[in-house]
Amino acid sequence: MIELVHLVKRFGELVAVNDLSLTVPRGEFFAVLGPNAAGKTTTLRILAGLIKPSSGSARVAGFDVQTQPVEARRRLAYVPDFPFLYDKLTPWEFFRFTGQLFQMEDARIRSVANELVARFNLEPYLGKQIEGLSHGTRQRVAIASALLHAPEVVVLDEPMVGLDPHHARVLKDVLKEKSRQGMTIFISSHQLSVAEEMADRIGIIHQGRLVAVGTREELRRQSGQDGALEQSFLALTAQEANFTEEKVAAH
């Protein structure tokens, strides 16, 4: 469902993504972890077709996001960490607008939107302009609208930001249900607990490189740490930092 092949993204002298390759199959819940400025958001934006890679390719459901953007985006939903919404619309108007973009019939939009509205507790806000909603409520509107057209792949960048514990739990439950039904979930998070609880596999990005990928148990073995995911994460990113320093020193 997701194929990243030797992705490289440079911003001047900075290499934000460095030869990253990864395959995520249909129905997998995949979480990407990494320190600040590791390259997570850049990778997600390339996958969403928002920025072009310097080299390499990204494919969604077999379609290249650069050369076949329309076909790729039909099958994809992307929720950034600070999603853009049309402030003068109400959530209900925004759902209709989103559904029409994906050529959904009005009856289908109403049916699916009503289900998502109930799940994300959005009923009290449907008639209010989005500009007056809290960040957490806007985040729930963005996530519900992303799920509206039943995408095959959903990419979310820090989706728990701004959500209270109750709605974070709702989102986790919804995403896990969707992945079990065959939707591929690709999520970036600073919250290791989200990855530990939810993900089928986890990738760790550090300094633009995918330094480790696997199940929680596989990451424990790679890191030599038997404890929580945090211990594996810290050990693997420290190993990569030491490796990079040694390469620099050798040159």
Protein backbone atom coordinates (compact mmCIF):
# COMPACT_ATOMS: atom_id res chain seq x y z
CA MET A 1 0.00 0.00 0.00
CA ILE A 2 2.88 2.38 0.81
CA GLU A 3 6.23 2.10 -0.94
CA LEU A 4 9.06 4.52 -0.23
CA VAL A 5 12.07 3.80 -2.45
CA HIS A 6 15.45 5.43 -1.74
CA LEU A 7 13.83 8.73 -0.76
CA VAL A 8 16.17 11.68 -0.45
CA LYS A 9 15.16 15.26 0.31
CA ARG A 10 17.67 18.08 0.52
CA PHE A 11 17.07 21.66 1.59
CA GLY A 12 20.29 23.33 0.49
CA GLU A 13 23.08 21.70 2.49
CA LEU A 14 20.64 19.98 4.85
CA VAL A 15 19.72 16.39 4.05
CA ALA A 16 16.31 16.05 5.74
CA VAL A 17 15.60 12.54 4.39
CA ASN A 18 18.56 10.32 3.57
CA ASP A 19 18.02 7.26 1.34
CA LEU A 20 14.88 6.05 3.10
CA SER A 21 13.18 2.88 1.84
CA LEU A 22 10.12 1.27 3.42
CA THR A 23 7.13 -0.88 2.47
CA VAL A 24 3.90 -0.86 4.51
CA PRO A 25 1.32 -3.48 3.46
CA ARG A 26 -2.46 -3.18 3.34
CA GLY A 27 -4.12 -3.01 6.75
CA GLU A 28 -0.95 -2.39 8.75
CA PHE A 29 -0.83 0.19 11.52
CA PHE A 30 2.66 1.67 11.14
CA ALA A 31 4.10 4.29 13.50
CA VAL A 32 7.14 6.48 12.79
CA LEU A 33 9.12 7.76 15.77
CA GLY A 34 12.09 10.08 15.92
CA PRO A 35 13.60 13.08 17.69
CA ASN A 36 12.79 16.63 16.61
CA ALA A 37 14.09 17.43 13.10
CA ALA A 38 14.64 13.74 12.38
CA GLY A 39 12.85 13.92 9.01
CA LYS A 40 9.47 12.46 10.00
CA THR A 41 7.25 15.33 8.80
CA THR A 42 9.26 15.75 5.58
CA THR A 43 8.77 12.04 4.82
CA LEU A 44 5.02 12.33 5.43
CA ARG A 45 4.76 15.42 3.22
CA ILE A 46 6.54 13.63 0.39
CA LEU A 47 4.16 10.70 0.79
CA ALA A 48 1.19 13.09 0.69
CA GLY A 49 2.52 14.68 -2.51
CA LEU A 50 3.02 18.09 -0.92
CA ILE A 51 6.75 18.32 -1.61
CA LYS A 52 8.92 16.66 -4.24
CA PRO A 53 11.77 14.38 -3.22
CA SER A 54 15.25 15.28 -4.41
CA SER A 55 15.48 11.68 -5.58
CA GLY A 56 13.67 8.40 -5.03
CA SER A 57 9.94 7.77 -5.19
CA ALA A 58 6.82 7.31 -3.08
CA ARG A 59 3.84 5.17 -4.12
CA VAL A 60 0.36 4.82 -2.65
CA ALA A 61 -1.66 1.75 -3.64
CA GLY A 62 0.71 1.28 -6.56
CA PHE A 63 0.47 4.87 -7.84
CA ASP A 64 3.45 7.23 -7.82
CA VAL A 65 2.52 10.37 -5.89
CA GLN A 66 4.54 12.57 -8.28
CA THR A 67 3.73 11.09 -11.69
CA GLN A 68 0.20 9.82 -10.89
CA PRO A 69 -0.93 12.36 -8.27
CA VAL A 70 -4.69 12.21 -8.90
CA GLU A 71 -4.88 8.43 -8.62
CA ALA A 72 -2.65 8.43 -5.53
CA ARG A 73 -4.61 11.17 -3.75
CA ARG A 74 -7.95 9.47 -4.39
CA ARG A 75 -6.73 6.65 -2.20
CA LEU A 76 -5.02 8.77 0.43
CA ALA A 77 -5.97 11.02 3.31
CA TYR A 78 -3.40 13.25 5.02
CA VAL A 79 -3.86 15.04 8.34
CA PRO A 80 -0.94 17.36 9.21
CA ASP A 81 -0.11 18.35 12.79
CA PHE A 82 -1.82 21.72 12.24
CA PRO A 83 -4.48 21.02 9.61
CA PHE A 84 -5.80 23.76 7.34
CA LEU A 85 -9.57 24.18 7.49
CA TYR A 86 -11.80 26.80 5.90
CA ASP A 87 -12.56 28.96 8.91
CA LYS A 88 -15.76 30.52 7.59
CA LEU A 89 -17.39 27.13 6.96
CA THR A 90 -19.19 25.08 9.57
CA PRO A 91 -17.99 21.50 10.16
CA TRP A 92 -21.04 20.21 8.30
CA GLU A 93 -20.29 22.44 5.29
CA PHE A 94 -16.68 21.31 5.39
CA PHE A 95 -17.73 17.64 5.34
CA ARG A 96 -19.95 18.29 2.30
CA PHE A 97 -17.15 20.16 0.56
CA THR A 98 -14.67 17.33 1.25
CA GLY A 99 -17.10 14.65 0.13
CA GLN A 100 -17.84 16.50 -3.12
CA LEU A 101 -14.11 16.77 -3.85
CA PHE A 102 -14.04 12.98 -3.84
CA GLN A 103 -17.22 12.81 -5.96
CA MET A 104 -19.32 11.24 -3.22
CA GLU A 105 -23.09 11.42 -3.57
CA ASP A 106 -24.89 13.65 -1.07
CA ALA A 107 -26.71 10.74 0.55
CA ARG A 108 -23.42 8.92 1.07
CA ILE A 109 -21.80 12.05 2.52
CA ARG A 110 -24.65 12.45 5.00
CA SER A 111 -24.59 8.79 6.00
CA VAL A 112 -20.84 8.54 6.58
CA ALA A 113 -20.54 12.01 8.11
CA ASN A 114 -23.31 11.27 10.61
CA GLU A 115 -21.47 8.15 11.74
CA LEU A 116 -18.16 10.01 12.14
CA VAL A 117 -19.83 12.96 13.87
CA ALA A 118 -21.27 10.58 16.46
CA ARG A 119 -17.94 8.80 16.99
CA PHE A 120 -15.99 12.04 17.46
CA ASN A 121 -18.69 13.81 19.51
CA LEU A 122 -19.04 16.68 17.05
CA GLU A 123 -22.83 17.17 17.17
CA PRO A 124 -22.74 20.39 19.26
CA TYR A 125 -20.40 22.08 16.76
CA LEU A 126 -21.93 21.24 13.39
CA GLY A 127 -23.57 24.62 12.88
CA LYS A 128 -20.74 26.76 14.24
CA GLN A 129 -18.04 28.39 12.14
CA ILE A 130 -14.76 26.50 12.33
CA GLU A 131 -12.83 29.65 13.24
CA GLY A 132 -14.56 29.68 16.64
CA LEU A 133 -13.71 26.09 17.55
CA SER A 134 -10.95 24.98 19.91
CA HIS A 135 -7.79 23.38 18.51
CA GLY A 136 -8.89 19.96 19.75
CA THR A 137 -12.31 20.26 18.12
CA ARG A 138 -10.75 21.45 14.85
CA GLN A 139 -8.44 18.45 14.99
CA ARG A 140 -11.43 16.11 15.33
CA VAL A 141 -13.15 17.81 12.38
CA ALA A 142 -10.00 17.37 10.27
CA ILE A 143 -9.65 13.69 11.16
CA ALA A 144 -13.34 12.96 10.54
CA SER A 145 -13.20 14.71 7.15
CA ALA A 146 -10.06 12.71 6.25
CA LEU A 147 -11.89 9.43 6.91
CA LEU A 148 -15.02 10.52 5.03
CA HIS A 149 -14.17 9.07 1.61
CA ALA A 150 -12.94 5.74 3.07
CA PRO A 151 -9.33 6.15 1.90
CA GLU A 152 -7.15 3.10 1.50
CA VAL A 153 -4.24 4.87 3.21
CA VAL A 154 -4.40 7.44 6.04
CA VAL A 155 -1.30 9.45 6.93
CA LEU A 156 -1.40 11.40 10.20
CA ASP A 157 1.28 13.70 11.62
CA GLU A 158 1.03 14.02 15.42
CA PRO A 159 -2.75 13.45 15.45
CA MET A 160 -3.02 13.39 19.26
CA VAL A 161 -1.87 17.01 19.61
CA GLY A 162 -4.67 19.04 21.18
CA LEU A 163 -6.90 16.06 21.95
CA ASP A 164 -8.04 15.48 25.51
CA PRO A 165 -7.61 11.94 26.93
CA HIS A 166 -11.18 10.93 26.06
CA HIS A 167 -10.97 11.93 22.40
CA ALA A 168 -7.43 10.56 22.09
CA ARG A 169 -8.90 7.21 23.15
CA VAL A 170 -11.72 7.57 20.61
CA LEU A 171 -9.20 8.27 17.84
CA LYS A 172 -7.06 5.28 18.81
CA ASP A 173 -10.12 3.02 18.75
CA VAL A 174 -11.32 4.32 15.39
CA LEU A 175 -7.90 3.99 13.75
CA LYS A 176 -7.39 0.48 15.07
CA GLU A 177 -10.83 -0.54 13.80
CA LYS A 178 -10.04 0.90 10.38
CA SER A 179 -6.71 -0.91 10.15
CA ARG A 180 -8.39 -4.20 11.05
CA GLN A 181 -10.85 -3.56 8.20
CA GLY A 182 -7.94 -3.19 5.75
CA MET A 183 -7.10 0.52 5.89
CA THR A 184 -3.37 1.25 6.05
CA ILE A 185 -2.52 3.68 8.87
CA PHE A 186 0.78 5.60 8.77
CA ILE A 187 1.26 7.78 11.82
CA SER A 188 4.04 10.01 13.11
CA SER A 189 4.11 10.70 16.83
CA HIS A 190 6.35 11.95 19.61
CA GLN A 191 4.27 9.90 22.02
CA LEU A 192 6.01 6.56 22.34
CA SER A 193 3.03 5.20 24.26
CA VAL A 194 0.84 5.60 21.14
CA ALA A 195 3.23 3.52 19.04
CA GLU A 196 3.72 0.94 21.79
CA GLU A 197 -0.01 0.48 22.27
CA MET A 198 -1.29 0.72 18.71
CA ALA A 199 1.31 -0.07 16.05
CA ASP A 200 1.83 -3.40 14.31
CA ARG A 201 5.32 -2.20 13.36
CA ILE A 202 7.39 0.82 14.29
CA GLY A 203 10.04 2.71 12.35
CA ILE A 204 12.63 4.94 14.02
CA ILE A 205 13.99 7.85 11.97
CA HIS A 206 17.10 9.69 13.12
CA GLN A 207 19.00 12.34 11.16
CA GLY A 208 16.95 11.53 8.07
CA ARG A 209 17.72 7.80 8.09
CA LEU A 210 15.44 4.90 8.94
CA VAL A 211 17.69 3.40 11.61
CA ALA A 212 15.38 0.59 12.75
CA VAL A 213 12.06 -0.96 11.82
CA GLY A 214 10.10 -3.85 13.27
CA THR A 215 7.62 -4.99 15.88
CA ARG A 216 8.08 -3.91 19.49
CA GLU A 217 9.83 -7.21 20.23
CA GLU A 218 12.09 -6.90 17.17
CA LEU A 219 13.12 -3.39 18.23
CA ARG A 220 13.95 -4.69 21.70
CA ARG A 221 16.23 -7.30 20.17
CA GLN A 222 17.87 -4.76 17.82
CA SER A 223 18.52 -2.36 20.68
CA GLY A 224 19.54 -4.96 23.26
CA GLN A 225 16.98 -3.48 25.66
CA ASP A 226 14.31 -5.62 27.35
CA GLY A 227 12.22 -2.84 28.87
CA ALA A 228 9.67 -0.38 27.51
CA LEU A 229 9.80 1.01 23.97
CA GLU A 230 11.39 4.17 25.37
CA GLN A 231 14.53 2.20 26.26
CA SER A 232 14.79 0.74 22.76
CA PHE A 233 14.19 4.16 21.17
CA LEU A 234 16.88 5.87 23.25
CA ALA A 235 19.39 3.08 22.64
CA LEU A 236 18.81 2.94 18.86
CA THR A 237 18.99 6.72 18.35
CA ALA A 238 22.14 6.86 20.52
CA GLN A 239 23.71 4.09 18.43
CA GLU A 240 22.95 6.02 15.23
CA ALA A 241 24.34 9.25 16.66
CA ASN A 242 27.57 7.47 17.65
CA PHE A 243 27.81 5.85 14.20
CA THR A 244 27.42 9.25 12.50
CA GLU A 245 30.04 10.85 14.72
CA GLU A 246 32.47 8.03 13.95
CA LYS A 247 31.94 8.50 10.20
CA VAL A 248 32.56 12.24 10.48
CA ALA A 249 35.70 11.66 12.54
CA ALA A 250 36.98 9.12 10.01
CA HIS A 251 36.76 11.71 7.24
